[in-house]
Amino acid sequence: MFRVPFLVAISLIIAFGGGILSTLAALEATDGFGSIRIGVWDAFPEAQTIEADPYAKSHRADSGKLLYGTAEGLSFTASVDAGGQRLSGACRYQLSGTVPPSRFWTLYAADQQGNLLDDGTGRPVALNSRTLLHGAKGGMNISVASSAQTYNWLAVPPRGDFKLVLTLLDTPVAGSTGLIDIKMPDIQKTGCGDA
């Protein structure tokens, strides 16, 4: 007598539970479609526009973060170095090259969800175009490591993976033109551990 309602209830739990879990997995897997890749850097120029796909809109609503308008700015993320290896706090990296034209830019290390990695120790967890010490040729040269470095240093936790977030504000790159011709900074691993 209770067998049929019990089987229906189990089927509904599996269907709804599976649907919810697969939706959450899809939202965590991507920021949406329409990404551009320049070297190791990824950006989603349409994520904040009205033309954004449903996954990008859902991801934006779920994260609760304010995104920039098309004319305001564009965020690039890198989770691997030039060799294709995941960025790890156990290693040291050199970020060098030039930043695409922009009025202002920021750079910080983030966890896989995009949250700032700040352990409250007062170490430099973010840099911007006004605080960076420029070299003789004007390019950037930033050490990314868990231990203190000379010159420009971006601190990361000693363990775990991270990604770098470079946000360009008031830049022509944010428009749909010129994305193919821009050069992004290079990320080279300089060593791991105490070596």
N, C-alpha and C. Protein backbone atom coordinates (compact mmCIF):
# COMPACT_ATOMS: atom_id res chain seq x y z
N MET A 1 0.81 -1.18 0.00
CA MET A 1 0.00 0.00 0.00
C MET A 1 0.86 1.26 0.00
N PHE A 2 1.94 1.26 0.77
CA PHE A 2 2.80 2.44 0.83
C PHE A 2 3.99 2.35 -0.14
N ARG A 3 4.03 1.27 -0.87
CA ARG A 3 5.17 1.05 -1.77
C ARG A 3 5.20 2.05 -2.90
N VAL A 4 4.11 2.29 -3.58
CA VAL A 4 4.06 3.22 -4.72
C VAL A 4 4.34 4.66 -4.27
N PRO A 5 3.70 5.19 -3.23
CA PRO A 5 4.04 6.55 -2.80
C PRO A 5 5.50 6.68 -2.35
N PHE A 6 6.01 5.62 -1.73
CA PHE A 6 7.41 5.65 -1.30
C PHE A 6 8.35 5.73 -2.50
N LEU A 7 8.10 4.92 -3.54
CA LEU A 7 8.93 4.95 -4.75
C LEU A 7 8.81 6.30 -5.47
N VAL A 8 7.61 6.89 -5.49
CA VAL A 8 7.43 8.21 -6.10
C VAL A 8 8.22 9.26 -5.32
N ALA A 9 8.17 9.19 -3.99
CA ALA A 9 8.90 10.15 -3.16
C ALA A 9 10.41 10.01 -3.39
N ILE A 10 10.91 8.80 -3.45
CA ILE A 10 12.34 8.57 -3.71
C ILE A 10 12.72 9.10 -5.08
N SER A 11 11.89 8.86 -6.09
CA SER A 11 12.17 9.36 -7.44
C SER A 11 12.22 10.88 -7.49
N LEU A 12 11.29 11.53 -6.78
CA LEU A 12 11.28 13.00 -6.75
C LEU A 12 12.50 13.55 -6.03
N ILE A 13 12.90 12.92 -4.94
CA ILE A 13 14.10 13.37 -4.22
C ILE A 13 15.32 13.24 -5.10
N ILE A 14 15.44 12.13 -5.82
CA ILE A 14 16.59 11.94 -6.71
C ILE A 14 16.54 12.96 -7.85
N ALA A 15 15.39 13.17 -8.43
CA ALA A 15 15.27 14.11 -9.56
C ALA A 15 15.59 15.54 -9.13
N PHE A 16 14.96 16.02 -8.05
CA PHE A 16 15.20 17.39 -7.60
C PHE A 16 16.62 17.56 -7.06
N GLY A 17 17.09 16.59 -6.29
CA GLY A 17 18.45 16.67 -5.75
C GLY A 17 19.49 16.65 -6.85
N GLY A 18 19.32 15.77 -7.83
CA GLY A 18 20.25 15.71 -8.96
C GLY A 18 20.22 16.99 -9.79
N GLY A 19 19.04 17.53 -10.00
CA GLY A 19 18.92 18.78 -10.75
C GLY A 19 19.60 19.94 -10.05
N ILE A 20 19.38 20.06 -8.75
CA ILE A 20 20.00 21.14 -7.98
C ILE A 20 21.52 20.99 -7.96
N LEU A 21 22.01 19.78 -7.71
CA LEU A 21 23.46 19.56 -7.68
C LEU A 21 24.11 19.81 -9.03
N SER A 22 23.47 19.38 -10.13
CA SER A 22 24.07 19.62 -11.45
C SER A 22 24.05 21.11 -11.80
N THR A 23 23.04 21.85 -11.38
CA THR A 23 23.00 23.29 -11.62
C THR A 23 24.10 23.99 -10.85
N LEU A 24 24.28 23.63 -9.57
CA LEU A 24 25.35 24.23 -8.77
C LEU A 24 26.72 23.91 -9.35
N ALA A 25 26.91 22.68 -9.84
CA ALA A 25 28.19 22.31 -10.45
C ALA A 25 28.43 23.11 -11.72
N ALA A 26 27.39 23.34 -12.53
CA ALA A 26 27.54 24.12 -13.76
C ALA A 26 27.88 25.57 -13.45
N LEU A 27 27.31 26.12 -12.39
CA LEU A 27 27.60 27.51 -12.02
C LEU A 27 29.02 27.67 -11.50
N GLU A 28 29.54 26.67 -10.80
CA GLU A 28 30.90 26.74 -10.28
C GLU A 28 31.93 26.48 -11.37
N ALA A 29 31.55 25.76 -12.41
CA ALA A 29 32.51 25.36 -13.44
C ALA A 29 32.93 26.50 -14.35
N THR A 30 32.08 27.49 -14.56
CA THR A 30 32.40 28.54 -15.52
C THR A 30 31.75 29.85 -15.13
N ASP A 31 32.34 30.93 -15.62
CA ASP A 31 31.74 32.26 -15.46
C ASP A 31 30.78 32.56 -16.59
N GLY A 32 30.70 31.68 -17.54
CA GLY A 32 29.82 31.88 -18.68
C GLY A 32 30.54 31.53 -19.97
N PHE A 33 29.87 31.82 -21.07
CA PHE A 33 30.44 31.57 -22.39
C PHE A 33 30.98 32.88 -22.93
N GLY A 34 31.70 32.83 -24.03
CA GLY A 34 32.20 34.04 -24.65
C GLY A 34 33.47 34.57 -24.03
N SER A 35 34.29 33.68 -23.47
CA SER A 35 35.54 34.16 -22.87
C SER A 35 36.57 34.42 -23.96
N ILE A 36 37.50 35.29 -23.65
CA ILE A 36 38.65 35.50 -24.53
C ILE A 36 39.89 35.08 -23.76
N ARG A 37 40.86 34.57 -24.47
CA ARG A 37 42.10 34.12 -23.84
C ARG A 37 43.27 34.79 -24.55
N ILE A 38 44.08 35.49 -23.76
CA ILE A 38 45.29 36.12 -24.30
C ILE A 38 46.44 35.59 -23.46
N GLY A 39 47.22 34.70 -24.03
CA GLY A 39 48.27 34.02 -23.27
C GLY A 39 47.62 33.15 -22.21
N VAL A 40 47.98 33.37 -20.94
CA VAL A 40 47.40 32.61 -19.84
C VAL A 40 46.24 33.36 -19.18
N TRP A 41 45.91 34.53 -19.68
CA TRP A 41 44.89 35.39 -19.08
C TRP A 41 43.54 35.19 -19.75
N ASP A 42 42.48 35.05 -18.94
CA ASP A 42 41.11 34.89 -19.42
C ASP A 42 40.27 36.09 -19.01
N ALA A 43 39.34 36.46 -19.86
CA ALA A 43 38.39 37.53 -19.52
C ALA A 43 37.04 37.18 -20.14
N PHE A 44 36.00 37.73 -19.56
CA PHE A 44 34.64 37.55 -20.04
C PHE A 44 34.06 38.93 -20.33
N PRO A 45 34.33 39.50 -21.52
CA PRO A 45 33.92 40.88 -21.78
C PRO A 45 32.41 41.09 -21.79
N GLU A 46 31.63 40.06 -22.07
CA GLU A 46 30.18 40.23 -22.13
C GLU A 46 29.48 39.82 -20.84
N ALA A 47 30.24 39.43 -19.81
CA ALA A 47 29.62 38.94 -18.57
C ALA A 47 28.75 39.98 -17.90
N GLN A 48 29.09 41.25 -18.02
CA GLN A 48 28.34 42.29 -17.34
C GLN A 48 27.36 43.02 -18.26
N THR A 49 27.22 42.57 -19.50
CA THR A 49 26.34 43.26 -20.43
C THR A 49 24.98 42.57 -20.49
N ILE A 50 24.05 43.21 -21.17
CA ILE A 50 22.72 42.63 -21.34
C ILE A 50 22.75 41.39 -22.23
N GLU A 51 23.80 41.27 -23.05
CA GLU A 51 23.93 40.12 -23.95
C GLU A 51 24.53 38.90 -23.25
N ALA A 52 24.80 38.98 -21.96
CA ALA A 52 25.41 37.87 -21.23
C ALA A 52 24.52 36.64 -21.29
N ASP A 53 25.16 35.47 -21.35
CA ASP A 53 24.40 34.22 -21.39
C ASP A 53 23.82 33.92 -20.01
N PRO A 54 22.84 33.02 -19.92
CA PRO A 54 22.19 32.73 -18.64
C PRO A 54 23.15 32.24 -17.55
N TYR A 55 24.20 31.48 -17.91
CA TYR A 55 25.15 31.02 -16.90
C TYR A 55 25.92 32.20 -16.30
N ALA A 56 26.33 33.14 -17.15
CA ALA A 56 27.05 34.32 -16.65
C ALA A 56 26.16 35.15 -15.73
N LYS A 57 24.90 35.32 -16.10
CA LYS A 57 23.97 36.08 -15.25
C LYS A 57 23.75 35.37 -13.92
N SER A 58 23.61 34.06 -13.95
CA SER A 58 23.41 33.30 -12.71
C SER A 58 24.67 33.34 -11.84
N HIS A 59 25.83 33.21 -12.47
CA HIS A 59 27.08 33.26 -11.73
C HIS A 59 27.24 34.63 -11.07
N ARG A 60 26.91 35.69 -11.80
CA ARG A 60 27.00 37.05 -11.26
C ARG A 60 26.04 37.23 -10.09
N ALA A 61 24.82 36.73 -10.21
CA ALA A 61 23.83 36.85 -9.13
C ALA A 61 24.25 36.04 -7.91
N ASP A 62 24.83 34.87 -8.14
CA ASP A 62 25.24 34.00 -7.04
C ASP A 62 26.42 34.59 -6.27
N SER A 63 27.38 35.19 -6.99
CA SER A 63 28.57 35.73 -6.32
C SER A 63 28.28 37.06 -5.62
N GLY A 64 27.30 37.79 -6.08
CA GLY A 64 26.95 39.06 -5.45
C GLY A 64 27.98 40.14 -5.66
N LYS A 65 28.84 40.01 -6.67
CA LYS A 65 29.88 40.99 -6.93
C LYS A 65 29.42 41.97 -8.00
N LEU A 66 29.82 43.21 -7.83
CA LEU A 66 29.51 44.25 -8.80
C LEU A 66 30.48 44.14 -9.96
N LEU A 67 29.96 44.04 -11.15
CA LEU A 67 30.82 43.97 -12.33
C LEU A 67 30.84 45.32 -13.02
N TYR A 68 31.88 45.53 -13.81
CA TYR A 68 32.05 46.80 -14.51
C TYR A 68 31.25 46.80 -15.80
N GLY A 69 30.77 47.97 -16.18
CA GLY A 69 30.11 48.11 -17.46
C GLY A 69 31.13 47.99 -18.58
N THR A 70 30.66 47.80 -19.81
CA THR A 70 31.55 47.58 -20.94
C THR A 70 32.56 48.70 -21.10
N ALA A 71 32.15 49.93 -20.90
CA ALA A 71 33.07 51.06 -21.08
C ALA A 71 33.90 51.34 -19.84
N GLU A 72 33.60 50.68 -18.71
CA GLU A 72 34.29 50.99 -17.45
C GLU A 72 35.57 50.19 -17.24
N GLY A 73 35.53 48.92 -17.52
CA GLY A 73 36.72 48.11 -17.26
C GLY A 73 36.54 46.66 -17.63
N LEU A 74 37.61 45.91 -17.45
CA LEU A 74 37.61 44.50 -17.80
C LEU A 74 38.58 43.77 -16.87
N SER A 75 38.15 42.64 -16.31
CA SER A 75 38.99 41.85 -15.40
C SER A 75 39.53 40.62 -16.13
N PHE A 76 40.83 40.42 -16.03
CA PHE A 76 41.50 39.24 -16.56
C PHE A 76 41.96 38.39 -15.39
N THR A 77 41.86 37.07 -15.51
CA THR A 77 42.35 36.16 -14.48
C THR A 77 43.34 35.18 -15.10
N ALA A 78 44.31 34.78 -14.30
CA ALA A 78 45.28 33.76 -14.71
C ALA A 78 45.43 32.77 -13.56
N SER A 79 45.24 31.50 -13.85
CA SER A 79 45.38 30.47 -12.82
C SER A 79 46.55 29.53 -13.11
N VAL A 80 47.24 29.75 -14.24
CA VAL A 80 48.41 28.94 -14.60
C VAL A 80 49.55 29.86 -15.01
N ASP A 81 50.78 29.33 -14.95
CA ASP A 81 51.94 30.11 -15.39
C ASP A 81 52.17 29.87 -16.88
N ALA A 82 53.25 30.45 -17.42
CA ALA A 82 53.54 30.32 -18.86
C ALA A 82 53.78 28.86 -19.27
N GLY A 83 54.18 28.02 -18.34
CA GLY A 83 54.39 26.60 -18.62
C GLY A 83 53.13 25.76 -18.50
N GLY A 84 52.01 26.37 -18.15
CA GLY A 84 50.75 25.64 -18.03
C GLY A 84 50.52 25.01 -16.67
N GLN A 85 51.41 25.23 -15.69
CA GLN A 85 51.27 24.67 -14.35
C GLN A 85 50.41 25.60 -13.48
N ARG A 86 49.58 25.02 -12.62
CA ARG A 86 48.73 25.83 -11.73
C ARG A 86 49.58 26.70 -10.82
N LEU A 87 49.12 27.92 -10.57
CA LEU A 87 49.82 28.82 -9.66
C LEU A 87 49.68 28.30 -8.24
N SER A 88 50.80 28.16 -7.54
CA SER A 88 50.81 27.58 -6.20
C SER A 88 51.60 28.48 -5.26
N GLY A 89 51.12 28.60 -4.03
CA GLY A 89 51.81 29.39 -3.03
C GLY A 89 53.15 28.82 -2.64
N ALA A 90 53.42 27.57 -2.95
CA ALA A 90 54.70 26.94 -2.63
C ALA A 90 55.80 27.36 -3.60
N CYS A 91 55.43 28.06 -4.68
CA CYS A 91 56.41 28.47 -5.70
C CYS A 91 56.50 29.99 -5.77
N ARG A 92 57.53 30.47 -6.48
CA ARG A 92 57.74 31.89 -6.71
C ARG A 92 57.57 32.16 -8.21
N TYR A 93 57.03 33.33 -8.53
CA TYR A 93 56.76 33.69 -9.92
C TYR A 93 57.24 35.10 -10.20
N GLN A 94 57.56 35.37 -11.46
CA GLN A 94 57.93 36.70 -11.90
C GLN A 94 56.90 37.14 -12.94
N LEU A 95 56.22 38.22 -12.67
CA LEU A 95 55.23 38.79 -13.57
C LEU A 95 55.90 39.96 -14.27
N SER A 96 56.08 39.87 -15.57
CA SER A 96 56.83 40.91 -16.29
C SER A 96 56.15 41.22 -17.61
N GLY A 97 56.49 42.39 -18.14
CA GLY A 97 55.94 42.84 -19.40
C GLY A 97 55.21 44.16 -19.24
N THR A 98 54.24 44.37 -20.07
CA THR A 98 53.48 45.61 -20.03
C THR A 98 52.01 45.32 -19.82
N VAL A 99 51.32 46.29 -19.29
CA VAL A 99 49.87 46.21 -19.09
C VAL A 99 49.21 46.93 -20.26
N PRO A 100 48.12 46.41 -20.80
CA PRO A 100 47.42 47.11 -21.87
C PRO A 100 47.03 48.53 -21.45
N PRO A 101 46.82 49.42 -22.40
CA PRO A 101 46.50 50.81 -22.07
C PRO A 101 45.27 50.90 -21.16
N SER A 102 45.41 51.65 -20.08
CA SER A 102 44.29 51.87 -19.15
C SER A 102 44.63 53.08 -18.29
N ARG A 103 43.60 53.71 -17.77
CA ARG A 103 43.83 54.85 -16.88
C ARG A 103 44.34 54.37 -15.53
N PHE A 104 43.87 53.20 -15.09
CA PHE A 104 44.23 52.65 -13.79
C PHE A 104 44.06 51.15 -13.85
N TRP A 105 44.92 50.40 -13.16
CA TRP A 105 44.77 48.95 -13.09
C TRP A 105 45.09 48.47 -11.68
N THR A 106 44.53 47.31 -11.33
CA THR A 106 44.79 46.68 -10.04
C THR A 106 45.18 45.22 -10.28
N LEU A 107 45.98 44.69 -9.37
CA LEU A 107 46.40 43.29 -9.44
C LEU A 107 46.35 42.72 -8.03
N TYR A 108 45.71 41.56 -7.88
CA TYR A 108 45.69 40.89 -6.58
C TYR A 108 45.60 39.38 -6.78
N ALA A 109 45.99 38.66 -5.73
CA ALA A 109 45.89 37.20 -5.72
C ALA A 109 44.56 36.83 -5.09
N ALA A 110 43.90 35.83 -5.67
CA ALA A 110 42.58 35.43 -5.21
C ALA A 110 42.50 33.91 -5.10
N ASP A 111 41.52 33.45 -4.31
CA ASP A 111 41.26 32.01 -4.27
C ASP A 111 40.47 31.64 -5.52
N GLN A 112 40.08 30.38 -5.65
CA GLN A 112 39.42 29.93 -6.87
C GLN A 112 38.03 30.53 -7.06
N GLN A 113 37.44 31.10 -6.00
CA GLN A 113 36.15 31.77 -6.12
C GLN A 113 36.31 33.27 -6.41
N GLY A 114 37.54 33.76 -6.48
CA GLY A 114 37.79 35.16 -6.78
C GLY A 114 37.89 36.07 -5.58
N ASN A 115 37.93 35.50 -4.36
CA ASN A 115 38.03 36.30 -3.15
C ASN A 115 39.49 36.63 -2.85
N LEU A 116 39.74 37.84 -2.41
CA LEU A 116 41.07 38.32 -2.09
C LEU A 116 41.71 37.43 -1.02
N LEU A 117 42.97 37.06 -1.22
CA LEU A 117 43.72 36.25 -0.25
C LEU A 117 44.46 37.18 0.70
N ASP A 118 43.81 37.56 1.78
CA ASP A 118 44.40 38.45 2.77
C ASP A 118 44.38 37.74 4.12
N ASP A 119 45.58 37.48 4.65
CA ASP A 119 45.67 36.77 5.94
C ASP A 119 45.74 37.73 7.12
N GLY A 120 45.63 39.02 6.90
CA GLY A 120 45.60 40.00 7.98
C GLY A 120 46.97 40.34 8.55
N THR A 121 48.06 39.94 7.88
CA THR A 121 49.40 40.20 8.40
C THR A 121 49.96 41.55 7.94
N GLY A 122 49.27 42.23 7.05
CA GLY A 122 49.75 43.51 6.55
C GLY A 122 50.70 43.39 5.38
N ARG A 123 50.90 42.18 4.87
CA ARG A 123 51.75 42.00 3.70
C ARG A 123 51.04 42.55 2.47
N PRO A 124 51.79 42.93 1.41
CA PRO A 124 51.16 43.51 0.22
C PRO A 124 50.38 42.47 -0.60
N VAL A 125 49.07 42.45 -0.44
CA VAL A 125 48.24 41.46 -1.13
C VAL A 125 47.65 42.00 -2.42
N ALA A 126 47.89 43.29 -2.70
CA ALA A 126 47.39 43.90 -3.94
C ALA A 126 48.34 45.00 -4.37
N LEU A 127 48.42 45.21 -5.66
CA LEU A 127 49.21 46.29 -6.24
C LEU A 127 48.33 47.03 -7.23
N ASN A 128 48.70 48.26 -7.54
CA ASN A 128 47.97 49.00 -8.58
C ASN A 128 48.95 49.87 -9.35
N SER A 129 48.46 50.51 -10.38
CA SER A 129 49.33 51.28 -11.27
C SER A 129 49.97 52.47 -10.59
N ARG A 130 49.41 52.93 -9.50
CA ARG A 130 50.00 54.09 -8.80
C ARG A 130 51.02 53.69 -7.74
N THR A 131 50.96 52.47 -7.23
CA THR A 131 51.92 52.05 -6.20
C THR A 131 53.08 51.24 -6.75
N LEU A 132 53.00 50.86 -8.01
CA LEU A 132 54.04 50.03 -8.61
C LEU A 132 55.31 50.84 -8.87
N LEU A 133 56.45 50.27 -8.55
CA LEU A 133 57.74 50.87 -8.90
C LEU A 133 58.09 50.43 -10.31
N HIS A 134 58.15 51.39 -11.24
CA HIS A 134 58.42 51.06 -12.64
C HIS A 134 59.92 51.01 -12.90
N GLY A 135 60.32 50.15 -13.82
CA GLY A 135 61.71 50.05 -14.23
C GLY A 135 62.08 51.16 -15.20
N ALA A 136 63.32 51.13 -15.68
CA ALA A 136 63.82 52.15 -16.58
C ALA A 136 63.05 52.17 -17.90
N LYS A 137 62.57 51.01 -18.34
CA LYS A 137 61.85 50.94 -19.61
C LYS A 137 60.34 51.06 -19.45
N GLY A 138 59.87 51.23 -18.22
CA GLY A 138 58.46 51.49 -17.98
C GLY A 138 57.58 50.26 -17.80
N GLY A 139 58.08 49.07 -18.03
CA GLY A 139 57.26 47.88 -17.88
C GLY A 139 57.09 47.48 -16.42
N MET A 140 56.36 46.41 -16.20
CA MET A 140 56.17 45.92 -14.84
C MET A 140 57.11 44.75 -14.59
N ASN A 141 57.54 44.63 -13.35
CA ASN A 141 58.37 43.52 -12.92
C ASN A 141 57.96 43.24 -11.47
N ILE A 142 57.12 42.22 -11.27
CA ILE A 142 56.54 41.94 -9.96
C ILE A 142 56.89 40.52 -9.54
N SER A 143 57.38 40.38 -8.31
CA SER A 143 57.62 39.05 -7.73
C SER A 143 56.36 38.62 -6.99
N VAL A 144 55.91 37.41 -7.28
CA VAL A 144 54.74 36.84 -6.61
C VAL A 144 55.25 35.65 -5.81
N ALA A 145 55.21 35.77 -4.47
CA ALA A 145 55.77 34.72 -3.61
C ALA A 145 55.20 34.83 -2.20
N SER A 146 55.34 33.75 -1.45
CA SER A 146 54.88 33.76 -0.06
C SER A 146 55.90 34.40 0.87
N SER A 147 57.17 34.41 0.47
CA SER A 147 58.21 35.04 1.29
C SER A 147 58.55 36.42 0.72
N ALA A 148 59.05 37.29 1.57
CA ALA A 148 59.33 38.67 1.18
C ALA A 148 60.35 38.73 0.04
N GLN A 149 60.10 39.62 -0.90
CA GLN A 149 60.97 39.82 -2.06
C GLN A 149 61.29 41.32 -2.17
N THR A 150 62.36 41.65 -2.85
CA THR A 150 62.71 43.05 -3.06
C THR A 150 61.92 43.63 -4.22
N TYR A 151 61.93 44.96 -4.31
CA TYR A 151 61.29 45.70 -5.40
C TYR A 151 59.77 45.54 -5.29
N ASN A 152 59.09 45.13 -6.35
CA ASN A 152 57.63 44.96 -6.32
C ASN A 152 57.32 43.53 -5.89
N TRP A 153 56.56 43.39 -4.79
CA TRP A 153 56.24 42.06 -4.26
C TRP A 153 54.74 41.95 -4.02
N LEU A 154 54.15 40.87 -4.51
CA LEU A 154 52.76 40.53 -4.24
C LEU A 154 52.76 39.27 -3.39
N ALA A 155 52.27 39.37 -2.17
CA ALA A 155 52.30 38.26 -1.22
C ALA A 155 51.16 37.28 -1.48
N VAL A 156 51.47 35.99 -1.38
CA VAL A 156 50.46 34.93 -1.50
C VAL A 156 50.64 33.98 -0.32
N PRO A 157 49.61 33.22 0.05
CA PRO A 157 49.76 32.24 1.13
C PRO A 157 50.78 31.16 0.75
N PRO A 158 51.48 30.59 1.73
CA PRO A 158 52.52 29.61 1.43
C PRO A 158 51.99 28.27 0.91
N ARG A 159 50.73 27.99 1.09
CA ARG A 159 50.16 26.73 0.62
C ARG A 159 48.89 27.00 -0.17
N GLY A 160 48.59 26.10 -1.06
CA GLY A 160 47.35 26.17 -1.82
C GLY A 160 47.51 26.88 -3.16
N ASP A 161 46.56 26.60 -4.04
CA ASP A 161 46.54 27.23 -5.36
C ASP A 161 45.89 28.61 -5.27
N PHE A 162 46.23 29.45 -6.20
CA PHE A 162 45.63 30.78 -6.27
C PHE A 162 45.53 31.20 -7.73
N LYS A 163 44.88 32.31 -7.97
CA LYS A 163 44.87 32.89 -9.31
C LYS A 163 45.13 34.38 -9.18
N LEU A 164 45.64 34.96 -10.24
CA LEU A 164 45.91 36.39 -10.28
C LEU A 164 44.77 37.09 -11.01
N VAL A 165 44.33 38.22 -10.48
CA VAL A 165 43.25 38.99 -11.09
C VAL A 165 43.80 40.37 -11.44
N LEU A 166 43.82 40.69 -12.73
CA LEU A 166 44.28 41.98 -13.23
C LEU A 166 43.07 42.71 -13.80
N THR A 167 42.71 43.83 -13.19
CA THR A 167 41.55 44.60 -13.63
C THR A 167 42.01 45.90 -14.25
N LEU A 168 41.60 46.11 -15.50
CA LEU A 168 41.91 47.34 -16.23
C LEU A 168 40.69 48.25 -16.16
N LEU A 169 40.88 49.46 -15.69
CA LEU A 169 39.78 50.42 -15.57
C LEU A 169 39.95 51.54 -16.58
N ASP A 170 38.83 51.96 -17.15
CA ASP A 170 38.81 53.03 -18.15
C ASP A 170 39.82 52.72 -19.25
N THR A 171 39.54 51.66 -19.96
CA THR A 171 40.46 51.16 -20.98
C THR A 171 39.75 50.93 -22.30
N PRO A 172 40.41 51.20 -23.43
CA PRO A 172 39.80 50.87 -24.72
C PRO A 172 39.70 49.37 -24.95
N VAL A 173 40.45 48.58 -24.17
CA VAL A 173 40.42 47.12 -24.30
C VAL A 173 39.05 46.57 -23.93
N ALA A 174 38.32 47.29 -23.06
CA ALA A 174 37.01 46.81 -22.61
C ALA A 174 36.00 46.79 -23.74
N GLY A 175 36.19 47.61 -24.77
CA GLY A 175 35.32 47.57 -25.94
C GLY A 175 35.64 46.34 -26.75
N SER A 176 34.85 46.07 -27.75
CA SER A 176 35.05 44.85 -28.54
C SER A 176 36.20 44.97 -29.53
N THR A 177 36.76 46.16 -29.70
CA THR A 177 37.84 46.32 -30.67
C THR A 177 39.19 46.21 -29.99
N GLY A 178 40.14 45.70 -30.70
CA GLY A 178 41.52 45.68 -30.24
C GLY A 178 41.89 44.57 -29.28
N LEU A 179 41.03 43.60 -29.02
CA LEU A 179 41.37 42.54 -28.07
C LEU A 179 42.44 41.60 -28.62
N ILE A 180 42.51 41.45 -29.91
CA ILE A 180 43.45 40.51 -30.49
C ILE A 180 44.88 41.06 -30.43
N ASP A 181 45.05 42.36 -30.53
CA ASP A 181 46.38 42.95 -30.65
C ASP A 181 47.03 43.32 -29.33
N ILE A 182 46.38 43.08 -28.21
CA ILE A 182 46.98 43.50 -26.94
C ILE A 182 47.93 42.44 -26.40
N LYS A 183 48.89 42.90 -25.61
CA LYS A 183 49.87 42.03 -24.96
C LYS A 183 49.61 42.05 -23.48
N MET A 184 49.59 40.89 -22.85
CA MET A 184 49.38 40.77 -21.41
C MET A 184 50.70 40.41 -20.74
N PRO A 185 50.85 40.70 -19.45
CA PRO A 185 52.08 40.34 -18.74
C PRO A 185 52.33 38.84 -18.74
N ASP A 186 53.59 38.48 -18.73
CA ASP A 186 54.03 37.08 -18.74
C ASP A 186 54.23 36.61 -17.30
N ILE A 187 53.86 35.36 -17.01
CA ILE A 187 54.02 34.79 -15.67
C ILE A 187 54.99 33.61 -15.77
N GLN A 188 56.20 33.81 -15.23
CA GLN A 188 57.23 32.77 -15.27
C GLN A 188 57.51 32.25 -13.87
N LYS A 189 57.56 30.92 -13.73
CA LYS A 189 57.93 30.31 -12.44
C LYS A 189 59.44 30.45 -12.27
N THR A 190 59.87 30.96 -11.09
CA THR A 190 61.31 31.13 -10.84
C THR A 190 61.85 30.11 -9.84
N GLY A 191 60.98 29.34 -9.22
CA GLY A 191 61.44 28.32 -8.29
C GLY A 191 60.35 27.90 -7.34
N CYS A 192 60.58 26.79 -6.64
CA CYS A 192 59.62 26.28 -5.66
C CYS A 192 60.36 25.90 -4.38
N GLY A 193 59.69 26.00 -3.25
CA GLY A 193 60.30 25.64 -1.99
C GLY A 193 61.45 26.56 -1.64
N ASP A 194 62.54 26.00 -1.09
CA ASP A 194 63.70 26.79 -0.72
C ASP A 194 64.75 26.87 -1.82
N ALA A 195 64.49 26.22 -2.93
CA ALA A 195 65.47 26.19 -4.02
C ALA A 195 65.47 27.45 -4.84
